N, C-alpha and C. Protein backbone atom coordinates (compact mmCIF):
# COMPACT_ATOMS: atom_id res chain seq x y z
N MET A 1 49.48 14.27 -16.88
CA MET A 1 50.74 14.92 -16.16
C MET A 1 51.79 13.81 -16.24
N ASN A 2 53.13 14.17 -16.70
CA ASN A 2 54.03 13.09 -16.67
C ASN A 2 54.81 13.26 -15.46
N LYS A 3 56.02 12.36 -15.40
CA LYS A 3 56.74 12.06 -14.02
C LYS A 3 57.34 13.21 -13.38
N ASP A 4 57.73 14.27 -14.23
CA ASP A 4 58.24 15.57 -13.52
C ASP A 4 57.17 16.57 -13.38
N ARG A 5 55.87 16.02 -13.19
CA ARG A 5 54.60 16.97 -12.87
C ARG A 5 54.63 18.10 -13.82
N SER A 6 54.94 17.89 -15.31
CA SER A 6 54.56 18.80 -16.11
C SER A 6 53.38 18.27 -17.14
N PHE A 7 52.79 18.88 -17.77
CA PHE A 7 51.76 18.57 -18.71
C PHE A 7 52.33 18.20 -20.02
N ASP A 8 51.90 17.16 -20.53
CA ASP A 8 52.55 16.60 -21.98
C ASP A 8 51.55 16.81 -22.89
N GLY A 9 50.20 17.51 -22.52
CA GLY A 9 49.30 17.40 -23.57
C GLY A 9 47.99 18.09 -23.00
N PHE A 10 47.13 18.57 -23.81
CA PHE A 10 45.91 19.08 -23.24
C PHE A 10 44.76 18.55 -24.17
N TYR A 11 43.75 17.92 -23.47
CA TYR A 11 42.74 17.47 -24.09
C TYR A 11 41.45 18.47 -23.92
N CYS A 12 40.78 18.55 -24.95
CA CYS A 12 39.62 19.43 -24.93
C CYS A 12 38.48 18.62 -25.77
N PHE A 13 37.46 18.68 -24.90
CA PHE A 13 35.99 18.07 -25.55
C PHE A 13 35.02 19.51 -25.75
N ALA A 14 34.51 19.41 -26.93
CA ALA A 14 33.57 20.32 -27.10
C ALA A 14 32.43 19.89 -28.00
N LYS A 15 31.22 20.59 -27.58
CA LYS A 15 29.87 20.20 -28.24
C LYS A 15 29.25 21.34 -28.72
N ASP A 16 28.96 21.34 -29.95
CA ASP A 16 28.37 22.49 -30.86
C ASP A 16 26.94 22.64 -30.02
N VAL A 17 26.47 23.52 -29.46
CA VAL A 17 25.20 23.78 -28.81
C VAL A 17 24.34 24.81 -29.68
N THR A 18 24.98 25.17 -30.78
CA THR A 18 24.18 26.24 -31.48
C THR A 18 22.88 26.06 -32.05
N GLU A 19 22.67 24.92 -32.40
CA GLU A 19 21.27 24.65 -32.89
C GLU A 19 20.30 24.51 -31.57
N ARG A 20 20.78 23.91 -30.75
CA ARG A 20 19.86 23.85 -29.36
C ARG A 20 19.58 25.23 -28.88
N LYS A 21 20.41 25.94 -28.73
CA LYS A 21 20.38 27.28 -28.34
C LYS A 21 19.40 28.11 -29.09
N TYR A 22 19.40 28.05 -30.55
CA TYR A 22 18.65 28.56 -31.48
C TYR A 22 17.16 27.99 -31.28
N GLN A 23 17.06 26.72 -31.23
CA GLN A 23 15.82 26.28 -30.85
C GLN A 23 15.16 26.85 -29.76
N GLU A 24 15.93 26.83 -28.53
CA GLU A 24 15.40 27.48 -27.39
C GLU A 24 15.05 29.14 -27.40
N SER A 25 15.90 29.76 -28.32
CA SER A 25 15.54 30.99 -28.37
C SER A 25 14.23 31.09 -29.39
N LEU A 26 13.99 30.46 -30.11
CA LEU A 26 12.69 30.24 -31.02
C LEU A 26 11.65 30.10 -29.98
N GLU A 27 11.66 29.14 -29.04
CA GLU A 27 10.66 28.93 -28.10
C GLU A 27 10.22 29.95 -27.22
N ILE A 28 11.45 30.68 -26.78
CA ILE A 28 11.34 31.86 -25.91
C ILE A 28 10.45 33.01 -26.79
N LYS A 29 10.76 33.07 -28.22
CA LYS A 29 10.28 34.30 -28.83
C LYS A 29 8.77 33.81 -29.08
N ALA A 30 8.65 32.53 -29.25
CA ALA A 30 7.13 32.18 -29.56
C ALA A 30 6.25 32.37 -28.31
N GLU A 31 6.71 32.12 -26.98
CA GLU A 31 6.08 32.33 -25.97
C GLU A 31 5.84 33.85 -25.64
N LEU A 32 6.89 34.64 -25.98
CA LEU A 32 6.65 36.06 -25.93
C LEU A 32 5.65 36.58 -26.56
N ILE A 33 5.73 36.21 -27.85
CA ILE A 33 4.48 36.68 -28.90
C ILE A 33 3.37 36.33 -28.37
N GLN A 34 3.12 35.11 -28.04
CA GLN A 34 1.71 34.63 -27.44
C GLN A 34 1.24 35.52 -26.29
N MET A 35 2.33 35.80 -25.30
CA MET A 35 1.89 36.42 -24.01
C MET A 35 1.71 38.04 -24.40
N VAL A 36 2.38 38.56 -25.22
CA VAL A 36 2.16 39.78 -25.42
C VAL A 36 1.01 40.06 -26.25
N SER A 37 0.70 39.27 -27.25
CA SER A 37 -0.45 39.10 -28.07
C SER A 37 -1.96 39.13 -27.22
N HIS A 38 -1.81 38.31 -26.28
CA HIS A 38 -2.86 38.00 -25.37
C HIS A 38 -3.11 39.22 -24.43
N GLU A 39 -2.04 39.53 -23.79
CA GLU A 39 -1.96 40.82 -22.80
C GLU A 39 -2.44 42.09 -23.69
N LEU A 40 -2.23 42.32 -24.89
CA LEU A 40 -2.67 43.26 -25.55
C LEU A 40 -4.17 43.26 -26.10
N ARG A 41 -4.41 42.12 -26.26
CA ARG A 41 -5.87 41.79 -26.91
C ARG A 41 -6.84 42.44 -25.92
N THR A 42 -6.63 42.08 -24.51
CA THR A 42 -7.69 42.28 -23.58
C THR A 42 -8.01 43.71 -23.35
N PRO A 43 -6.84 44.52 -23.10
CA PRO A 43 -7.30 45.96 -23.05
C PRO A 43 -7.55 46.65 -24.18
N VAL A 44 -7.00 46.23 -25.58
CA VAL A 44 -7.53 46.87 -26.90
C VAL A 44 -9.01 46.62 -26.86
N HIS A 45 -9.50 45.47 -26.59
CA HIS A 45 -10.80 44.99 -26.78
C HIS A 45 -11.92 45.88 -25.75
N SER A 46 -11.20 46.10 -24.46
CA SER A 46 -12.10 46.94 -23.62
C SER A 46 -12.16 48.32 -24.07
N VAL A 47 -11.11 48.97 -24.54
CA VAL A 47 -11.10 50.28 -25.10
C VAL A 47 -12.26 50.32 -26.36
N LYS A 48 -12.10 49.25 -27.17
CA LYS A 48 -12.78 49.33 -28.26
C LYS A 48 -14.32 49.31 -27.85
N GLU A 49 -14.60 48.29 -27.00
CA GLU A 49 -15.92 48.36 -26.62
C GLU A 49 -16.53 49.63 -25.91
N GLY A 50 -15.57 50.37 -25.00
CA GLY A 50 -15.99 51.60 -24.29
C GLY A 50 -16.30 52.75 -25.36
N LEU A 51 -15.37 52.74 -26.22
CA LEU A 51 -15.59 53.84 -27.40
C LEU A 51 -17.21 53.34 -28.01
N SER A 52 -17.25 52.05 -28.32
CA SER A 52 -18.52 51.97 -29.04
C SER A 52 -19.80 52.28 -28.23
N ILE A 53 -19.76 51.95 -26.83
CA ILE A 53 -20.75 52.34 -25.69
C ILE A 53 -20.94 53.88 -25.97
N VAL A 54 -19.84 54.73 -25.91
CA VAL A 54 -20.01 56.24 -25.92
C VAL A 54 -20.51 56.71 -27.32
N LEU A 55 -19.92 56.02 -28.22
CA LEU A 55 -20.39 56.47 -29.74
C LEU A 55 -21.72 56.29 -29.89
N GLU A 56 -22.37 55.07 -29.13
CA GLU A 56 -23.69 54.99 -29.67
C GLU A 56 -24.58 55.71 -28.60
N GLY A 57 -24.21 56.42 -28.00
CA GLY A 57 -24.85 57.34 -26.93
C GLY A 57 -25.35 56.74 -25.66
N LEU A 58 -24.81 55.76 -25.42
CA LEU A 58 -25.47 54.87 -24.14
C LEU A 58 -25.11 55.60 -23.19
N THR A 59 -24.23 56.36 -23.17
CA THR A 59 -23.61 57.17 -21.79
C THR A 59 -24.21 58.60 -21.75
N GLY A 60 -24.87 58.99 -22.66
CA GLY A 60 -25.57 60.31 -22.92
C GLY A 60 -25.06 60.86 -24.24
N GLU A 61 -25.52 62.17 -24.40
CA GLU A 61 -25.38 62.90 -25.66
C GLU A 61 -23.75 63.32 -25.72
N ILE A 62 -23.40 63.28 -26.96
CA ILE A 62 -22.12 63.78 -27.33
C ILE A 62 -22.12 64.82 -28.55
N THR A 63 -21.27 65.75 -28.47
CA THR A 63 -21.23 66.82 -29.59
C THR A 63 -20.69 66.18 -30.65
N PRO A 64 -20.96 66.81 -31.95
CA PRO A 64 -20.16 66.39 -33.28
C PRO A 64 -18.91 66.24 -33.08
N GLU A 65 -18.11 67.28 -32.40
CA GLU A 65 -16.73 67.43 -32.12
C GLU A 65 -16.16 66.15 -31.58
N GLN A 66 -16.87 65.76 -30.34
CA GLN A 66 -16.52 64.68 -29.45
C GLN A 66 -16.74 63.57 -30.27
N LYS A 67 -17.81 63.35 -31.06
CA LYS A 67 -18.01 62.24 -31.97
C LYS A 67 -16.86 62.01 -33.01
N GLU A 68 -16.37 63.09 -33.55
CA GLU A 68 -15.25 62.87 -34.53
C GLU A 68 -14.07 62.42 -33.83
N VAL A 69 -13.74 63.00 -32.73
CA VAL A 69 -12.52 62.50 -31.94
C VAL A 69 -12.58 61.05 -31.67
N LEU A 70 -13.75 60.64 -30.95
CA LEU A 70 -14.25 59.38 -30.63
C LEU A 70 -14.13 58.35 -31.92
N ASN A 71 -14.46 58.89 -32.98
CA ASN A 71 -14.40 58.01 -34.19
C ASN A 71 -12.92 57.73 -34.53
N ILE A 72 -12.20 58.81 -34.53
CA ILE A 72 -10.79 58.68 -34.84
C ILE A 72 -10.29 57.61 -33.94
N SER A 73 -10.40 57.86 -32.67
CA SER A 73 -9.97 56.95 -31.60
C SER A 73 -10.31 55.51 -31.92
N LYS A 74 -11.68 55.39 -32.29
CA LYS A 74 -11.96 54.11 -32.51
C LYS A 74 -11.26 53.45 -33.75
N ARG A 75 -11.15 54.03 -34.74
CA ARG A 75 -10.28 53.74 -35.80
C ARG A 75 -8.90 53.18 -35.33
N CYS A 76 -8.38 54.03 -34.71
CA CYS A 76 -6.96 53.85 -34.20
C CYS A 76 -7.03 52.39 -33.36
N VAL A 77 -7.95 52.19 -32.47
CA VAL A 77 -8.14 50.91 -31.78
C VAL A 77 -8.43 49.74 -32.63
N ASP A 78 -9.12 50.11 -33.60
CA ASP A 78 -9.62 48.84 -34.51
C ASP A 78 -8.17 48.56 -35.49
N ARG A 79 -7.44 49.48 -35.57
CA ARG A 79 -6.13 49.30 -36.46
C ARG A 79 -5.10 48.65 -35.55
N LEU A 80 -5.05 48.85 -34.12
CA LEU A 80 -4.35 48.37 -33.40
C LEU A 80 -4.82 46.90 -33.01
N ALA A 81 -5.78 46.66 -32.91
CA ALA A 81 -6.33 45.15 -32.71
C ALA A 81 -5.86 44.52 -34.12
N ARG A 82 -6.01 45.00 -35.24
CA ARG A 82 -5.70 44.25 -36.45
C ARG A 82 -4.16 43.88 -36.24
N LEU A 83 -3.46 45.02 -35.84
CA LEU A 83 -1.96 44.72 -36.10
C LEU A 83 -1.51 43.48 -34.89
N VAL A 84 -2.14 43.54 -33.93
CA VAL A 84 -2.02 42.46 -32.84
C VAL A 84 -2.35 41.28 -33.45
N ASN A 85 -3.24 41.11 -34.11
CA ASN A 85 -3.77 39.72 -34.79
C ASN A 85 -2.67 39.84 -35.77
N ASP A 86 -2.28 40.59 -36.61
CA ASP A 86 -1.25 40.51 -37.88
C ASP A 86 -0.04 39.91 -37.22
N VAL A 87 0.49 40.60 -36.02
CA VAL A 87 1.78 40.06 -35.65
C VAL A 87 1.77 38.44 -35.14
N LEU A 88 0.38 38.03 -34.56
CA LEU A 88 0.25 36.56 -34.12
C LEU A 88 0.06 35.71 -35.39
N ALA A 89 -0.51 36.27 -36.28
CA ALA A 89 -0.84 35.54 -37.70
C ALA A 89 0.68 35.36 -38.21
N PHE A 90 1.53 36.49 -38.29
CA PHE A 90 2.86 36.36 -38.85
C PHE A 90 3.65 35.25 -38.25
N HIS A 91 3.71 35.25 -36.94
CA HIS A 91 4.32 34.55 -36.11
C HIS A 91 3.92 33.03 -36.30
N LYS A 92 2.38 32.76 -36.44
CA LYS A 92 2.08 31.34 -36.85
C LYS A 92 2.68 30.90 -38.12
N LEU A 93 2.52 31.79 -39.08
CA LEU A 93 3.06 31.49 -40.68
C LEU A 93 4.41 31.08 -40.40
N GLU A 94 5.30 31.99 -39.67
CA GLU A 94 6.62 31.87 -39.85
C GLU A 94 7.10 30.62 -39.06
N ALA A 95 6.29 30.17 -38.04
CA ALA A 95 6.58 28.98 -37.37
C ALA A 95 5.92 27.97 -38.19
N GLY A 96 5.16 28.03 -39.15
CA GLY A 96 4.61 26.86 -39.79
C GLY A 96 3.30 26.18 -39.23
N VAL A 97 2.75 26.98 -38.48
CA VAL A 97 1.68 26.28 -37.59
C VAL A 97 0.28 26.67 -38.28
N ILE A 98 0.32 27.75 -39.28
CA ILE A 98 -1.00 28.13 -39.86
C ILE A 98 -1.32 26.96 -40.82
N GLU A 99 -2.61 26.61 -40.71
CA GLU A 99 -3.09 25.50 -41.56
C GLU A 99 -3.77 26.33 -43.03
N PHE A 100 -3.35 25.86 -43.99
CA PHE A 100 -4.21 26.31 -45.28
C PHE A 100 -5.12 25.22 -45.67
N HIS A 101 -6.59 25.69 -45.88
CA HIS A 101 -7.44 24.83 -46.37
C HIS A 101 -7.63 25.28 -47.90
N MET A 102 -6.73 24.41 -48.79
CA MET A 102 -6.77 24.96 -50.09
C MET A 102 -7.81 24.20 -50.89
N LYS A 103 -8.44 24.96 -51.82
CA LYS A 103 -9.82 24.42 -52.59
C LYS A 103 -9.80 25.28 -53.90
N ALA A 104 -10.46 24.79 -54.73
CA ALA A 104 -10.55 25.40 -56.19
C ALA A 104 -11.64 26.40 -55.73
N GLU A 105 -11.47 27.70 -55.96
CA GLU A 105 -12.42 28.54 -55.88
C GLU A 105 -12.57 29.65 -56.99
N ASN A 106 -13.58 30.34 -57.08
CA ASN A 106 -13.88 31.52 -57.99
C ASN A 106 -13.63 32.88 -57.25
N LEU A 107 -12.29 33.01 -57.60
CA LEU A 107 -11.75 34.77 -57.17
C LEU A 107 -12.60 35.59 -57.29
N THR A 108 -13.17 35.67 -58.54
CA THR A 108 -14.04 36.82 -58.82
C THR A 108 -15.30 36.84 -58.07
N ARG A 109 -15.75 35.65 -57.59
CA ARG A 109 -17.05 35.60 -56.78
C ARG A 109 -16.77 36.18 -55.39
N ILE A 110 -15.31 35.69 -54.89
CA ILE A 110 -14.98 36.16 -53.60
C ILE A 110 -14.62 37.49 -53.54
N ILE A 111 -14.16 38.22 -54.39
CA ILE A 111 -14.00 39.64 -54.57
C ILE A 111 -15.28 40.57 -54.57
N GLU A 112 -16.28 39.84 -55.41
CA GLU A 112 -17.63 40.72 -55.32
C GLU A 112 -18.23 40.44 -54.04
N GLU A 113 -18.11 39.25 -53.37
CA GLU A 113 -18.68 39.02 -52.09
C GLU A 113 -18.11 40.10 -50.89
N VAL A 114 -16.72 40.22 -51.02
CA VAL A 114 -16.06 41.12 -49.96
C VAL A 114 -16.28 42.41 -50.17
N ALA A 115 -16.50 42.70 -51.41
CA ALA A 115 -16.95 44.29 -51.77
C ALA A 115 -18.23 44.79 -51.41
N ALA A 116 -19.05 43.48 -51.83
CA ALA A 116 -20.47 43.78 -51.17
C ALA A 116 -20.52 43.84 -49.64
N SER A 117 -19.78 43.28 -48.98
CA SER A 117 -19.68 43.22 -47.48
C SER A 117 -19.05 44.63 -46.92
N MET A 118 -18.22 45.21 -47.79
CA MET A 118 -17.54 46.45 -47.50
C MET A 118 -18.33 47.60 -47.95
N HIS A 119 -19.13 47.39 -48.94
CA HIS A 119 -19.93 48.55 -49.21
C HIS A 119 -20.51 49.53 -48.21
N PRO A 120 -21.21 49.12 -47.21
CA PRO A 120 -21.73 49.89 -46.18
C PRO A 120 -20.58 50.57 -45.47
N LEU A 121 -19.30 50.28 -45.24
CA LEU A 121 -18.40 50.99 -44.62
C LEU A 121 -17.85 51.97 -45.70
N ALA A 122 -17.64 51.68 -46.84
CA ALA A 122 -17.52 52.69 -47.65
C ALA A 122 -18.40 53.64 -47.86
N GLU A 123 -19.63 53.44 -47.94
CA GLU A 123 -20.72 54.30 -47.79
C GLU A 123 -20.73 55.24 -46.54
N ASN A 124 -20.60 54.67 -45.57
CA ASN A 124 -20.65 55.47 -44.48
C ASN A 124 -19.52 56.59 -44.25
N LYS A 125 -18.46 56.29 -44.97
CA LYS A 125 -17.31 57.07 -45.03
C LYS A 125 -17.25 58.17 -46.11
N ASN A 126 -18.45 57.96 -46.92
CA ASN A 126 -18.42 58.78 -48.16
C ASN A 126 -17.51 58.34 -49.34
N LEU A 127 -17.29 57.14 -49.28
CA LEU A 127 -16.22 56.61 -50.33
C LEU A 127 -16.96 55.76 -51.37
N SER A 128 -16.53 55.84 -52.58
CA SER A 128 -16.97 54.90 -53.41
C SER A 128 -16.02 53.75 -53.72
N LEU A 129 -16.73 52.49 -53.85
CA LEU A 129 -15.95 51.37 -54.05
C LEU A 129 -16.38 50.86 -55.51
N LYS A 130 -15.33 50.94 -56.31
CA LYS A 130 -15.67 50.55 -57.73
C LYS A 130 -14.78 49.26 -58.05
N MET A 131 -15.39 48.35 -58.94
CA MET A 131 -14.49 47.14 -59.47
C MET A 131 -14.70 47.07 -60.73
N SER A 132 -13.66 46.44 -61.31
CA SER A 132 -13.64 46.10 -62.72
C SER A 132 -13.00 44.71 -62.79
N LEU A 133 -13.88 43.87 -63.03
CA LEU A 133 -13.15 42.33 -62.88
C LEU A 133 -13.47 41.61 -64.18
N GLN A 134 -12.55 41.10 -64.57
CA GLN A 134 -12.60 40.20 -65.72
C GLN A 134 -13.66 39.13 -65.57
N LYS A 135 -14.65 38.63 -66.31
CA LYS A 135 -15.66 37.56 -66.10
C LYS A 135 -14.83 36.23 -66.59
N ASN A 136 -15.39 35.29 -66.28
CA ASN A 136 -14.82 33.79 -66.64
C ASN A 136 -13.51 33.51 -66.46
N LEU A 137 -12.92 34.09 -65.26
CA LEU A 137 -11.56 33.61 -64.85
C LEU A 137 -11.68 32.10 -64.48
N PRO A 138 -10.62 31.41 -64.68
CA PRO A 138 -10.84 29.97 -64.11
C PRO A 138 -10.75 30.05 -62.57
N GLU A 139 -10.99 28.87 -61.94
CA GLU A 139 -11.22 28.85 -60.71
C GLU A 139 -9.56 28.85 -60.13
N VAL A 140 -9.24 29.27 -58.91
CA VAL A 140 -7.95 29.20 -58.45
C VAL A 140 -7.74 28.40 -57.06
N GLU A 141 -6.81 27.67 -56.86
CA GLU A 141 -6.51 26.97 -55.61
C GLU A 141 -6.10 27.96 -54.65
N LEU A 142 -6.96 27.95 -53.68
CA LEU A 142 -6.82 29.02 -52.58
C LEU A 142 -7.27 28.70 -51.09
N ASP A 143 -6.93 29.30 -50.17
CA ASP A 143 -7.65 29.32 -48.79
C ASP A 143 -8.69 30.41 -48.66
N ARG A 144 -9.81 30.17 -48.83
CA ARG A 144 -11.04 31.12 -49.14
C ARG A 144 -10.94 32.20 -47.86
N ASP A 145 -10.86 31.48 -46.62
CA ASP A 145 -10.95 32.51 -45.52
C ASP A 145 -9.60 33.42 -45.41
N LYS A 146 -8.52 32.88 -45.93
CA LYS A 146 -7.51 33.59 -45.70
C LYS A 146 -7.42 34.84 -46.90
N ILE A 147 -8.03 34.54 -47.91
CA ILE A 147 -7.97 35.53 -48.86
C ILE A 147 -9.04 36.59 -48.64
N VAL A 148 -10.12 36.11 -48.11
CA VAL A 148 -11.31 36.96 -47.67
C VAL A 148 -10.63 37.83 -46.53
N GLN A 149 -9.83 37.53 -45.63
CA GLN A 149 -9.14 38.15 -44.56
C GLN A 149 -8.21 39.33 -45.25
N VAL A 150 -7.34 39.02 -46.23
CA VAL A 150 -6.68 39.74 -46.77
C VAL A 150 -7.13 40.71 -47.57
N LEU A 151 -8.20 40.54 -48.34
CA LEU A 151 -9.05 41.44 -49.04
C LEU A 151 -9.85 42.34 -47.97
N THR A 152 -10.38 42.05 -47.20
CA THR A 152 -10.99 42.79 -46.17
C THR A 152 -9.90 43.71 -45.35
N ASN A 153 -8.89 43.25 -44.99
CA ASN A 153 -7.87 44.05 -44.34
C ASN A 153 -7.37 45.21 -45.28
N PHE A 154 -7.20 44.70 -46.64
CA PHE A 154 -6.76 45.80 -47.60
C PHE A 154 -7.88 46.94 -47.65
N LEU A 155 -9.25 46.46 -47.90
CA LEU A 155 -10.12 47.62 -48.09
C LEU A 155 -10.37 48.53 -46.83
N GLN A 156 -10.34 47.82 -45.58
CA GLN A 156 -10.28 48.70 -44.44
C GLN A 156 -9.15 49.63 -44.34
N ASN A 157 -7.97 49.03 -44.64
CA ASN A 157 -6.86 50.01 -44.33
C ASN A 157 -6.94 51.19 -45.60
N ALA A 158 -7.35 50.66 -46.81
CA ALA A 158 -7.53 51.85 -47.79
C ALA A 158 -8.63 52.74 -47.27
N SER A 159 -9.76 52.34 -46.79
CA SER A 159 -10.76 53.31 -46.50
C SER A 159 -10.35 54.15 -44.94
N SER A 160 -9.39 53.74 -44.17
CA SER A 160 -8.94 54.60 -43.01
C SER A 160 -8.05 55.48 -43.64
N SER A 161 -7.12 55.02 -44.67
CA SER A 161 -6.07 55.94 -45.20
C SER A 161 -6.78 57.23 -45.80
N ARG A 162 -8.01 56.80 -46.56
CA ARG A 162 -8.64 57.87 -47.32
C ARG A 162 -9.25 58.75 -46.49
N SER A 163 -9.81 58.15 -45.29
CA SER A 163 -10.69 59.01 -44.42
C SER A 163 -9.56 59.99 -43.83
N ARG A 164 -8.34 59.55 -43.53
CA ARG A 164 -7.38 60.39 -42.76
C ARG A 164 -7.12 61.49 -43.81
N VAL A 165 -6.70 61.09 -44.94
CA VAL A 165 -6.44 62.26 -46.28
C VAL A 165 -7.46 63.23 -46.20
N ARG A 166 -8.74 62.73 -46.35
CA ARG A 166 -9.71 63.53 -46.60
C ARG A 166 -9.81 64.73 -45.34
N SER A 167 -9.67 64.10 -44.17
CA SER A 167 -9.96 65.08 -42.82
C SER A 167 -8.96 66.01 -42.91
N ARG A 168 -7.77 65.61 -43.30
CA ARG A 168 -6.53 66.52 -43.19
C ARG A 168 -6.89 67.54 -44.25
N SER A 169 -7.15 67.23 -45.51
CA SER A 169 -7.31 68.17 -46.50
C SER A 169 -8.72 69.09 -46.61
N HIS A 170 -9.62 68.55 -45.85
CA HIS A 170 -11.05 69.27 -45.59
C HIS A 170 -11.16 69.26 -44.18
N PRO A 171 -10.60 70.26 -43.54
CA PRO A 171 -10.97 70.36 -42.10
C PRO A 171 -12.59 70.54 -41.90
N PRO A 172 -13.12 69.96 -40.56
CA PRO A 172 -14.34 70.11 -40.58
C PRO A 172 -14.91 71.51 -40.10
């Protein structure tokens, strides 16, 4: 202020807090995803186990119609559990906290092993699982567990989709 009590200027100091606020929002998002994933896993697991107990007949006999409805519910709960896990895995990937254990592997052998482990699921749903793989492919640098997870999810989703299509087109 000058002698006649008027302002001769204005000083402003500012600090860009954009990056700090962005980091805080990422931390809040991470905490929310962790909390929601954990809170969803517990009831999903309980419903999944309850359906399994009823489907195994441990609570008494069920009719074929009830069994079909329960099987549909169990498939939906299984899918929900996978989605919760996928959200958490995607968040970890986005945040850069997923570790990859890269190693040279035979992709053909991995595909054959996954297909063999999924064969009973396909057979149980009256589906056929056919493969046509080129032999003698070179080894590929990959994370075996992650590739097995992707292939298993792919085949589970395909078998669930195929079962839904079949049950819609051929009512019981």
